């Protein structure tokens, strides 16, 4: 459970890194890189993002919030 959530978060971080790299290349003030020369960075960003959401959903499905809260006497 915890490993799935950690793995999903790592994929989301990788997604953000690729997205920020694309953003920096495509929208820099001097000589922006246009077209597919920068657009290819969106492919791994999208794949990592979709897979990260999928893994996070699996990890969250395994967590029983009511059980954890009741064990910590939050109710």
Protein backbone atom coordinates (compact mmCIF):
# COMPACT_ATOMS: atom_id res chain seq x y z
CA UNK A 1 0.00 0.00 0.00
CA UNK A 2 2.60 2.55 1.07
CA UNK A 3 4.94 1.47 -1.72
CA UNK A 4 2.23 1.98 -4.33
CA UNK A 5 1.55 5.50 -3.11
CA UNK A 6 5.28 6.26 -3.07
CA UNK A 7 5.72 4.80 -6.55
CA UNK A 8 2.74 6.79 -7.86
CA UNK A 9 4.16 10.00 -6.41
CA UNK A 10 7.54 9.29 -8.01
CA UNK A 11 5.87 8.94 -11.41
CA UNK A 12 4.03 12.21 -10.85
CA UNK A 13 7.35 13.92 -10.04
CA UNK A 14 8.87 12.53 -13.25
CA UNK A 15 5.79 13.80 -15.12
CA UNK A 16 6.34 17.28 -13.68
CA UNK A 17 10.02 17.25 -14.63
CA UNK A 18 9.26 16.43 -18.27
CA UNK A 19 6.45 18.98 -18.36
CA UNK A 20 8.65 21.73 -16.90
CA UNK A 21 11.44 20.87 -19.36
CA UNK A 22 8.95 21.23 -22.22
CA UNK A 23 7.63 24.49 -20.80
CA UNK A 24 11.12 25.96 -20.47
CA UNK A 25 12.06 25.00 -24.03
CA UNK A 26 8.79 26.00 -25.67
CA UNK A 27 8.21 29.31 -23.90
CA UNK A 28 11.64 30.77 -23.29
CA UNK A 29 11.81 34.43 -24.34
CA UNK A 30 14.78 34.08 -26.67
CA UNK A 31 14.63 31.54 -29.51
CA UNK A 32 11.82 29.24 -28.33
CA UNK A 33 11.91 25.69 -29.64
CA UNK A 34 8.74 25.11 -31.64
CA UNK A 35 6.91 22.09 -32.96
CA UNK A 36 8.00 18.53 -32.44
CA UNK A 37 11.49 19.54 -31.37
CA UNK A 38 10.07 20.34 -27.93
CA UNK A 39 6.74 18.53 -28.17
CA UNK A 40 8.30 15.11 -27.77
CA UNK A 41 8.77 15.92 -24.07
CA UNK A 42 5.01 15.86 -23.61
CA UNK A 43 4.80 12.15 -24.51
CA UNK A 44 6.78 10.83 -21.50
CA UNK A 45 5.09 13.46 -19.32
CA UNK A 46 1.65 12.19 -20.31
CA UNK A 47 2.62 8.52 -19.95
CA UNK A 48 4.20 9.03 -16.51
CA UNK A 49 1.23 11.12 -15.40
CA UNK A 50 -1.38 8.59 -16.46
CA UNK A 51 0.56 5.69 -14.97
CA UNK A 52 1.17 7.66 -11.78
CA UNK A 53 -2.53 8.35 -11.33
CA UNK A 54 -3.30 4.67 -11.95
CA UNK A 55 -0.75 3.51 -9.35
CA UNK A 56 -1.95 6.12 -6.84
CA UNK A 57 -5.55 4.99 -7.29
CA UNK A 58 -4.51 1.41 -6.56
CA UNK A 59 -2.65 2.49 -3.44
CA UNK A 60 -5.53 4.63 -2.21
CA UNK A 61 -7.98 1.79 -2.79
CA UNK A 62 -5.98 -0.36 -0.36
CA UNK A 63 -6.10 2.24 2.40
CA UNK A 64 -8.96 1.98 4.80
CA UNK A 65 -9.19 5.46 6.29
CA UNK A 66 -11.87 4.50 8.78
CA UNK A 67 -9.74 1.66 10.16
CA UNK A 68 -6.66 3.87 10.50
CA UNK A 69 -8.60 6.70 12.16
CA UNK A 70 -10.38 4.39 14.57
CA UNK A 71 -7.07 2.82 15.61
CA UNK A 72 -5.67 6.26 16.40
CA UNK A 73 -8.76 7.19 18.45
CA UNK A 74 -9.66 10.16 16.28
CA UNK A 75 -13.36 9.45 16.73
